[in-house]
Amino acid sequence: MHSEHSLKTALVILRITTGLFLFTMGLGKLEWYTSTEPLTERLDFYYEDAPAISQWYQDVIAKPFIGLWSILIPTAELLGGLALTIGLLTRLTGMVMIVMVLNLNFANGNLLGLTLFSNPFNGLLLAVLFGITLAASGRSFGLDKYLARKDPDKKLW
């Protein structure tokens, strides 16, 4: 019993710190709401060394919709970080954040090679997001605990 409690506590700590990390990452991108230049510069930086499929992705999906991405990325980090911090819709939020991290790493060319794991943020962030998503850590200590009481069969929390 003690080890189960310890595991739940550890996952809650990981969830909260990951949420705060993502939230602060979003705060650092507030200027993206008024200018697409920071995101454009990042994409341009990665473009030359990215594999052809990532360059295609940037050309066809990322850059033509740069205004949308400049709003979606910081919004997802801010709201996703907040949701993870308070344990609200933890599984759904975790899945959205996993897709976001994979999307970023596909766009910059890191997803298709071992470079995904050369940056500690990528590998560790993905591992933590998968862990807290699968464990539904918001049910241990978070608002998901109250949602689960009302409807325990829902898988989104």
N, C-alpha and C. Protein backbone atom coordinates (compact mmCIF):
# COMPACT_ATOMS: atom_id res chain seq x y z
N MET A 1 0.82 -1.19 0.00
CA MET A 1 0.00 0.00 0.00
C MET A 1 0.86 1.25 0.00
N HIS A 2 1.93 1.23 0.79
CA HIS A 2 2.81 2.39 0.87
C HIS A 2 3.45 2.70 -0.48
N SER A 3 3.87 1.68 -1.22
CA SER A 3 4.52 1.92 -2.50
C SER A 3 3.54 2.47 -3.54
N GLU A 4 2.28 2.07 -3.49
CA GLU A 4 1.28 2.61 -4.41
C GLU A 4 1.06 4.10 -4.14
N HIS A 5 0.99 4.46 -2.87
CA HIS A 5 0.84 5.87 -2.50
C HIS A 5 2.06 6.68 -2.95
N SER A 6 3.24 6.11 -2.78
CA SER A 6 4.47 6.80 -3.19
C SER A 6 4.49 7.01 -4.70
N LEU A 7 4.06 6.01 -5.45
CA LEU A 7 4.02 6.13 -6.90
C LEU A 7 3.03 7.21 -7.33
N LYS A 8 1.86 7.23 -6.72
CA LYS A 8 0.86 8.25 -7.05
C LYS A 8 1.40 9.64 -6.71
N THR A 9 2.05 9.76 -5.58
CA THR A 9 2.62 11.05 -5.18
C THR A 9 3.69 11.49 -6.18
N ALA A 10 4.54 10.58 -6.59
CA ALA A 10 5.59 10.91 -7.56
C ALA A 10 4.99 11.37 -8.88
N LEU A 11 3.94 10.70 -9.34
CA LEU A 11 3.29 11.10 -10.59
C LEU A 11 2.61 12.46 -10.47
N VAL A 12 2.06 12.75 -9.32
CA VAL A 12 1.45 14.07 -9.10
C VAL A 12 2.53 15.15 -9.15
N ILE A 13 3.66 14.89 -8.51
CA ILE A 13 4.76 15.86 -8.53
C ILE A 13 5.24 16.07 -9.97
N LEU A 14 5.39 14.99 -10.73
CA LEU A 14 5.79 15.12 -12.13
C LEU A 14 4.75 15.89 -12.94
N ARG A 15 3.48 15.61 -12.68
CA ARG A 15 2.41 16.30 -13.41
C ARG A 15 2.43 17.80 -13.12
N ILE A 16 2.54 18.16 -11.87
CA ILE A 16 2.52 19.57 -11.50
C ILE A 16 3.75 20.30 -12.04
N THR A 17 4.93 19.71 -11.89
CA THR A 17 6.13 20.38 -12.38
C THR A 17 6.14 20.46 -13.90
N THR A 18 5.63 19.46 -14.57
CA THR A 18 5.53 19.51 -16.04
C THR A 18 4.53 20.57 -16.45
N GLY A 19 3.42 20.66 -15.75
CA GLY A 19 2.44 21.71 -16.03
C GLY A 19 3.04 23.09 -15.86
N LEU A 20 3.78 23.30 -14.79
CA LEU A 20 4.41 24.60 -14.56
C LEU A 20 5.46 24.89 -15.63
N PHE A 21 6.20 23.86 -16.03
CA PHE A 21 7.20 24.02 -17.10
C PHE A 21 6.52 24.46 -18.39
N LEU A 22 5.46 23.76 -18.78
CA LEU A 22 4.76 24.11 -20.02
C LEU A 22 4.14 25.51 -19.93
N PHE A 23 3.57 25.83 -18.78
CA PHE A 23 2.97 27.15 -18.60
C PHE A 23 4.02 28.25 -18.77
N THR A 24 5.17 28.07 -18.17
CA THR A 24 6.22 29.10 -18.30
C THR A 24 6.77 29.15 -19.72
N MET A 25 6.79 28.02 -20.41
CA MET A 25 7.19 28.03 -21.82
C MET A 25 6.20 28.88 -22.62
N GLY A 26 4.92 28.74 -22.33
CA GLY A 26 3.89 29.55 -22.99
C GLY A 26 4.03 31.03 -22.66
N LEU A 27 4.36 31.34 -21.42
CA LEU A 27 4.57 32.74 -21.04
C LEU A 27 5.71 33.36 -21.84
N GLY A 28 6.72 32.56 -22.14
CA GLY A 28 7.85 33.04 -22.93
C GLY A 28 7.50 33.29 -24.39
N LYS A 29 6.32 32.86 -24.80
CA LYS A 29 5.90 33.02 -26.19
C LYS A 29 4.74 34.01 -26.34
N LEU A 30 4.49 34.83 -25.36
CA LEU A 30 3.37 35.77 -25.43
C LEU A 30 3.48 36.70 -26.63
N GLU A 31 4.70 37.06 -27.01
CA GLU A 31 4.88 37.95 -28.16
C GLU A 31 4.41 37.31 -29.47
N TRP A 32 4.27 35.99 -29.47
CA TRP A 32 3.80 35.30 -30.67
C TRP A 32 2.38 35.71 -31.03
N TYR A 33 1.62 36.18 -30.04
CA TYR A 33 0.25 36.60 -30.31
C TYR A 33 0.20 37.84 -31.20
N THR A 34 1.25 38.62 -31.17
CA THR A 34 1.26 39.86 -31.96
C THR A 34 2.25 39.84 -33.12
N SER A 35 3.12 38.83 -33.16
CA SER A 35 4.10 38.76 -34.24
C SER A 35 4.42 37.30 -34.57
N THR A 36 4.44 37.00 -35.84
CA THR A 36 4.80 35.64 -36.28
C THR A 36 6.31 35.51 -36.47
N GLU A 37 7.03 36.59 -36.34
CA GLU A 37 8.47 36.58 -36.59
C GLU A 37 9.25 35.59 -35.72
N PRO A 38 8.99 35.51 -34.40
CA PRO A 38 9.76 34.55 -33.59
C PRO A 38 9.60 33.10 -34.06
N LEU A 39 8.39 32.70 -34.41
CA LEU A 39 8.18 31.33 -34.88
C LEU A 39 8.79 31.14 -36.27
N THR A 40 8.63 32.12 -37.13
CA THR A 40 9.24 32.05 -38.47
C THR A 40 10.75 31.89 -38.36
N GLU A 41 11.37 32.64 -37.47
CA GLU A 41 12.83 32.55 -37.28
C GLU A 41 13.23 31.16 -36.80
N ARG A 42 12.45 30.58 -35.89
CA ARG A 42 12.76 29.23 -35.40
C ARG A 42 12.65 28.20 -36.53
N LEU A 43 11.59 28.30 -37.30
CA LEU A 43 11.42 27.36 -38.40
C LEU A 43 12.54 27.51 -39.43
N ASP A 44 12.89 28.74 -39.75
CA ASP A 44 13.98 28.99 -40.70
C ASP A 44 15.31 28.44 -40.18
N PHE A 45 15.55 28.54 -38.89
CA PHE A 45 16.77 28.04 -38.28
C PHE A 45 16.91 26.52 -38.51
N TYR A 46 15.82 25.79 -38.38
CA TYR A 46 15.86 24.33 -38.51
C TYR A 46 15.76 23.85 -39.95
N TYR A 47 15.28 24.69 -40.83
CA TYR A 47 14.92 24.27 -42.18
C TYR A 47 16.08 23.64 -42.94
N GLU A 48 17.22 24.28 -42.97
CA GLU A 48 18.33 23.82 -43.82
C GLU A 48 18.81 22.42 -43.47
N ASP A 49 18.87 22.09 -42.18
CA ASP A 49 19.38 20.79 -41.76
C ASP A 49 18.28 19.73 -41.60
N ALA A 50 17.03 20.12 -41.79
CA ALA A 50 15.92 19.18 -41.61
C ALA A 50 15.83 18.22 -42.79
N PRO A 51 15.35 16.99 -42.56
CA PRO A 51 15.12 16.07 -43.68
C PRO A 51 14.06 16.63 -44.63
N ALA A 52 14.04 16.10 -45.83
CA ALA A 52 13.14 16.61 -46.87
C ALA A 52 11.68 16.59 -46.42
N ILE A 53 11.27 15.56 -45.71
CA ILE A 53 9.86 15.49 -45.30
C ILE A 53 9.52 16.59 -44.29
N SER A 54 10.47 16.94 -43.42
CA SER A 54 10.24 18.03 -42.47
C SER A 54 10.22 19.38 -43.20
N GLN A 55 11.06 19.51 -44.23
CA GLN A 55 11.03 20.73 -45.03
C GLN A 55 9.69 20.85 -45.75
N TRP A 56 9.20 19.73 -46.28
CA TRP A 56 7.88 19.73 -46.92
C TRP A 56 6.81 20.15 -45.92
N TYR A 57 6.87 19.59 -44.72
CA TYR A 57 5.90 19.92 -43.67
C TYR A 57 5.91 21.42 -43.37
N GLN A 58 7.11 21.97 -43.26
CA GLN A 58 7.20 23.41 -43.02
C GLN A 58 6.61 24.22 -44.18
N ASP A 59 6.95 23.80 -45.40
CA ASP A 59 6.49 24.52 -46.59
C ASP A 59 4.98 24.44 -46.80
N VAL A 60 4.39 23.29 -46.49
CA VAL A 60 2.98 23.05 -46.82
C VAL A 60 2.04 23.28 -45.63
N ILE A 61 2.50 22.98 -44.42
CA ILE A 61 1.61 23.05 -43.26
C ILE A 61 1.98 24.15 -42.27
N ALA A 62 3.25 24.24 -41.94
CA ALA A 62 3.64 25.20 -40.89
C ALA A 62 3.65 26.64 -41.38
N LYS A 63 4.43 26.93 -42.40
CA LYS A 63 4.60 28.33 -42.81
C LYS A 63 3.36 28.97 -43.43
N PRO A 64 2.58 28.25 -44.23
CA PRO A 64 1.37 28.90 -44.76
C PRO A 64 0.35 29.28 -43.68
N PHE A 65 0.42 28.60 -42.56
CA PHE A 65 -0.52 28.85 -41.46
C PHE A 65 0.20 29.39 -40.23
N ILE A 66 1.29 30.12 -40.47
CA ILE A 66 2.14 30.60 -39.37
C ILE A 66 1.36 31.45 -38.37
N GLY A 67 0.40 32.21 -38.84
CA GLY A 67 -0.42 33.02 -37.93
C GLY A 67 -1.22 32.16 -36.97
N LEU A 68 -1.78 31.08 -37.48
CA LEU A 68 -2.54 30.15 -36.64
C LEU A 68 -1.63 29.45 -35.64
N TRP A 69 -0.48 28.96 -36.12
CA TRP A 69 0.47 28.27 -35.23
C TRP A 69 0.99 29.21 -34.16
N SER A 70 1.16 30.48 -34.51
CA SER A 70 1.67 31.46 -33.54
C SER A 70 0.68 31.71 -32.40
N ILE A 71 -0.56 31.38 -32.63
CA ILE A 71 -1.57 31.48 -31.57
C ILE A 71 -1.75 30.13 -30.88
N LEU A 72 -1.81 29.06 -31.66
CA LEU A 72 -2.06 27.73 -31.08
C LEU A 72 -0.95 27.27 -30.13
N ILE A 73 0.29 27.48 -30.50
CA ILE A 73 1.40 26.94 -29.70
C ILE A 73 1.44 27.56 -28.30
N PRO A 74 1.50 28.90 -28.17
CA PRO A 74 1.52 29.43 -26.80
C PRO A 74 0.22 29.16 -26.03
N THR A 75 -0.91 29.15 -26.75
CA THR A 75 -2.18 28.86 -26.08
C THR A 75 -2.19 27.44 -25.54
N ALA A 76 -1.72 26.49 -26.33
CA ALA A 76 -1.66 25.10 -25.87
C ALA A 76 -0.72 24.96 -24.68
N GLU A 77 0.41 25.64 -24.73
CA GLU A 77 1.35 25.56 -23.61
C GLU A 77 0.77 26.20 -22.35
N LEU A 78 0.14 27.34 -22.50
CA LEU A 78 -0.44 28.03 -21.33
C LEU A 78 -1.61 27.23 -20.74
N LEU A 79 -2.58 26.88 -21.58
CA LEU A 79 -3.76 26.17 -21.08
C LEU A 79 -3.43 24.74 -20.68
N GLY A 80 -2.60 24.08 -21.50
CA GLY A 80 -2.19 22.71 -21.17
C GLY A 80 -1.38 22.67 -19.88
N GLY A 81 -0.48 23.63 -19.74
CA GLY A 81 0.32 23.69 -18.51
C GLY A 81 -0.56 23.94 -17.30
N LEU A 82 -1.51 24.84 -17.42
CA LEU A 82 -2.43 25.13 -16.32
C LEU A 82 -3.28 23.90 -15.99
N ALA A 83 -3.80 23.24 -17.01
CA ALA A 83 -4.64 22.06 -16.80
C ALA A 83 -3.86 20.95 -16.10
N LEU A 84 -2.62 20.73 -16.52
CA LEU A 84 -1.81 19.70 -15.85
C LEU A 84 -1.50 20.11 -14.41
N THR A 85 -1.21 21.37 -14.19
CA THR A 85 -0.88 21.83 -12.85
C THR A 85 -2.03 21.58 -11.88
N ILE A 86 -3.25 21.83 -12.30
CA ILE A 86 -4.41 21.66 -11.40
C ILE A 86 -5.06 20.28 -11.55
N GLY A 87 -4.55 19.47 -12.46
CA GLY A 87 -5.08 18.11 -12.62
C GLY A 87 -6.45 18.08 -13.27
N LEU A 88 -6.65 18.91 -14.27
CA LEU A 88 -7.94 18.97 -14.97
C LEU A 88 -7.83 18.35 -16.35
N LEU A 89 -8.67 17.35 -16.61
CA LEU A 89 -8.65 16.64 -17.90
C LEU A 89 -7.24 16.19 -18.24
N THR A 90 -6.61 15.55 -17.29
CA THR A 90 -5.19 15.19 -17.39
C THR A 90 -4.90 14.30 -18.58
N ARG A 91 -5.70 13.30 -18.81
CA ARG A 91 -5.43 12.40 -19.94
C ARG A 91 -5.58 13.12 -21.28
N LEU A 92 -6.65 13.85 -21.45
CA LEU A 92 -6.86 14.59 -22.69
C LEU A 92 -5.75 15.62 -22.89
N THR A 93 -5.44 16.37 -21.84
CA THR A 93 -4.37 17.36 -21.93
C THR A 93 -3.04 16.71 -22.25
N GLY A 94 -2.74 15.61 -21.58
CA GLY A 94 -1.49 14.90 -21.85
C GLY A 94 -1.38 14.46 -23.29
N MET A 95 -2.48 13.94 -23.85
CA MET A 95 -2.46 13.52 -25.25
C MET A 95 -2.23 14.70 -26.19
N VAL A 96 -2.89 15.81 -25.91
CA VAL A 96 -2.71 17.01 -26.74
C VAL A 96 -1.26 17.50 -26.65
N MET A 97 -0.69 17.49 -25.48
CA MET A 97 0.68 17.97 -25.31
C MET A 97 1.67 17.02 -25.99
N ILE A 98 1.42 15.72 -25.96
CA ILE A 98 2.27 14.75 -26.65
C ILE A 98 2.26 15.04 -28.15
N VAL A 99 1.07 15.24 -28.70
CA VAL A 99 0.95 15.56 -30.14
C VAL A 99 1.71 16.85 -30.44
N MET A 100 1.59 17.83 -29.56
CA MET A 100 2.27 19.10 -29.79
C MET A 100 3.80 18.92 -29.79
N VAL A 101 4.33 18.17 -28.84
CA VAL A 101 5.77 17.93 -28.79
C VAL A 101 6.24 17.16 -30.02
N LEU A 102 5.48 16.15 -30.42
CA LEU A 102 5.85 15.38 -31.62
C LEU A 102 5.76 16.26 -32.87
N ASN A 103 4.75 17.11 -32.95
CA ASN A 103 4.60 18.01 -34.08
C ASN A 103 5.80 18.95 -34.20
N LEU A 104 6.19 19.54 -33.09
CA LEU A 104 7.35 20.43 -33.09
C LEU A 104 8.60 19.70 -33.56
N ASN A 105 8.79 18.49 -33.07
CA ASN A 105 9.99 17.75 -33.42
C ASN A 105 9.93 17.19 -34.84
N PHE A 106 8.75 17.03 -35.38
CA PHE A 106 8.65 16.68 -36.79
C PHE A 106 9.01 17.88 -37.65
N ALA A 107 8.50 19.05 -37.26
CA ALA A 107 8.77 20.27 -38.04
C ALA A 107 10.25 20.64 -38.04
N ASN A 108 10.93 20.41 -36.92
CA ASN A 108 12.34 20.80 -36.88
C ASN A 108 13.29 19.68 -37.30
N GLY A 109 12.74 18.52 -37.64
CA GLY A 109 13.56 17.42 -38.16
C GLY A 109 14.08 16.48 -37.11
N ASN A 110 13.79 16.69 -35.85
CA ASN A 110 14.32 15.84 -34.79
C ASN A 110 13.57 14.52 -34.62
N LEU A 111 12.33 14.47 -35.05
CA LEU A 111 11.51 13.28 -34.81
C LEU A 111 12.00 12.06 -35.56
N LEU A 112 12.63 12.27 -36.70
CA LEU A 112 12.99 11.15 -37.57
C LEU A 112 14.37 10.57 -37.29
N GLY A 113 14.99 10.94 -36.20
CA GLY A 113 16.30 10.42 -35.88
C GLY A 113 16.52 10.41 -34.38
N LEU A 114 17.69 9.98 -33.97
CA LEU A 114 17.99 9.94 -32.56
C LEU A 114 18.18 11.32 -31.95
N THR A 115 18.20 12.35 -32.79
CA THR A 115 18.32 13.71 -32.25
C THR A 115 17.14 14.08 -31.38
N LEU A 116 16.04 13.35 -31.50
CA LEU A 116 14.89 13.59 -30.62
C LEU A 116 15.32 13.47 -29.17
N PHE A 117 16.22 12.54 -28.90
CA PHE A 117 16.63 12.29 -27.53
C PHE A 117 17.93 12.98 -27.16
N SER A 118 18.53 13.72 -28.09
CA SER A 118 19.76 14.43 -27.75
C SER A 118 19.48 15.69 -26.96
N ASN A 119 18.25 16.19 -27.03
CA ASN A 119 17.83 17.33 -26.24
C ASN A 119 17.04 16.77 -25.05
N PRO A 120 17.50 17.01 -23.82
CA PRO A 120 16.82 16.40 -22.67
C PRO A 120 15.35 16.80 -22.53
N PHE A 121 14.99 17.96 -23.04
CA PHE A 121 13.59 18.36 -22.94
C PHE A 121 12.69 17.39 -23.69
N ASN A 122 13.13 16.95 -24.87
CA ASN A 122 12.27 16.11 -25.70
C ASN A 122 11.99 14.76 -25.08
N GLY A 123 13.02 13.99 -24.85
CA GLY A 123 12.84 12.64 -24.33
C GLY A 123 12.18 12.62 -22.97
N LEU A 124 12.67 13.45 -22.07
CA LEU A 124 12.11 13.47 -20.72
C LEU A 124 10.68 14.00 -20.72
N LEU A 125 10.43 15.04 -21.49
CA LEU A 125 9.09 15.60 -21.54
C LEU A 125 8.10 14.58 -22.09
N LEU A 126 8.48 13.90 -23.15
CA LEU A 126 7.59 12.87 -23.71
C LEU A 126 7.36 11.73 -22.72
N ALA A 127 8.42 11.29 -22.05
CA ALA A 127 8.28 10.19 -21.08
C ALA A 127 7.34 10.60 -19.95
N VAL A 128 7.53 11.80 -19.42
CA VAL A 128 6.67 12.26 -18.33
C VAL A 128 5.23 12.41 -18.81
N LEU A 129 5.04 13.00 -19.98
CA LEU A 129 3.69 13.17 -20.50
C LEU A 129 3.00 11.83 -20.71
N PHE A 130 3.72 10.85 -21.26
CA PHE A 130 3.12 9.52 -21.41
C PHE A 130 2.77 8.93 -20.05
N GLY A 131 3.67 9.05 -19.08
CA GLY A 131 3.42 8.48 -17.76
C GLY A 131 2.22 9.09 -17.06
N ILE A 132 2.15 10.41 -17.03
CA ILE A 132 1.02 11.04 -16.33
C ILE A 132 -0.29 10.86 -17.08
N THR A 133 -0.20 10.70 -18.40
CA THR A 133 -1.41 10.46 -19.19
C THR A 133 -1.94 9.05 -18.94
N LEU A 134 -1.06 8.07 -19.02
CA LEU A 134 -1.49 6.69 -18.81
C LEU A 134 -1.96 6.44 -17.38
N ALA A 135 -1.31 7.09 -16.43
CA ALA A 135 -1.66 6.88 -15.02
C ALA A 135 -2.85 7.71 -14.57
N ALA A 136 -3.31 8.63 -15.40
CA ALA A 136 -4.42 9.52 -15.04
C ALA A 136 -4.13 10.18 -13.69
N SER A 137 -2.96 10.80 -13.59
CA SER A 137 -2.49 11.30 -12.30
C SER A 137 -3.35 12.43 -11.73
N GLY A 138 -4.23 13.00 -12.52
CA GLY A 138 -5.14 14.01 -11.99
C GLY A 138 -6.18 13.42 -11.07
N ARG A 139 -6.37 12.11 -11.12
CA ARG A 139 -7.34 11.45 -10.25
C ARG A 139 -6.80 11.26 -8.84
N SER A 140 -5.48 11.32 -8.69
CA SER A 140 -4.89 11.16 -7.36
C SER A 140 -5.00 12.44 -6.55
N PHE A 141 -4.63 13.53 -7.15
CA PHE A 141 -4.67 14.83 -6.49
C PHE A 141 -4.85 15.88 -7.57
N GLY A 142 -6.08 16.26 -7.78
CA GLY A 142 -6.38 17.24 -8.82
C GLY A 142 -7.88 17.29 -9.05
N LEU A 143 -8.30 18.15 -9.94
CA LEU A 143 -9.72 18.31 -10.21
C LEU A 143 -10.32 17.07 -10.87
N ASP A 144 -9.50 16.28 -11.53
CA ASP A 144 -10.01 15.04 -12.13
C ASP A 144 -10.57 14.08 -11.08
N LYS A 145 -10.08 14.18 -9.87
CA LYS A 145 -10.58 13.33 -8.78
C LYS A 145 -12.07 13.55 -8.59
N TYR A 146 -12.50 14.80 -8.67
CA TYR A 146 -13.92 15.14 -8.50
C TYR A 146 -14.73 14.76 -9.74
N LEU A 147 -14.14 14.93 -10.91
CA LEU A 147 -14.82 14.51 -12.13
C LEU A 147 -15.01 12.99 -12.15
N ALA A 148 -14.00 12.26 -11.68
CA ALA A 148 -14.07 10.79 -11.66
C ALA A 148 -15.14 10.30 -10.68
N ARG A 149 -15.36 11.03 -9.63
CA ARG A 149 -16.42 10.65 -8.69
C ARG A 149 -17.79 10.74 -9.34
N LYS A 150 -17.96 11.77 -10.17
CA LYS A 150 -19.25 11.97 -10.84
C LYS A 150 -19.44 10.98 -11.98
N ASP A 151 -18.36 10.67 -12.69
CA ASP A 151 -18.46 9.78 -13.85
C ASP A 151 -17.15 8.99 -13.98
N PRO A 152 -17.00 7.92 -13.22
CA PRO A 152 -15.74 7.17 -13.17
C PRO A 152 -15.40 6.42 -14.47
N ASP A 153 -16.36 6.27 -15.36
CA ASP A 153 -16.08 5.53 -16.59
C ASP A 153 -15.43 6.37 -17.68
N LYS A 154 -15.44 7.67 -17.53
CA LYS A 154 -14.82 8.54 -18.55
C LYS A 154 -13.32 8.33 -18.54
N LYS A 155 -12.76 8.25 -19.72
CA LYS A 155 -11.32 7.99 -19.86
C LYS A 155 -10.51 9.26 -20.05
N LEU A 156 -11.16 10.43 -20.19
CA LEU A 156 -10.45 11.68 -20.44
C LEU A 156 -9.86 12.27 -19.18
N TRP A 157 -10.26 11.77 -18.01
CA TRP A 157 -9.68 12.27 -16.77
C TRP A 157 -9.31 11.16 -15.85
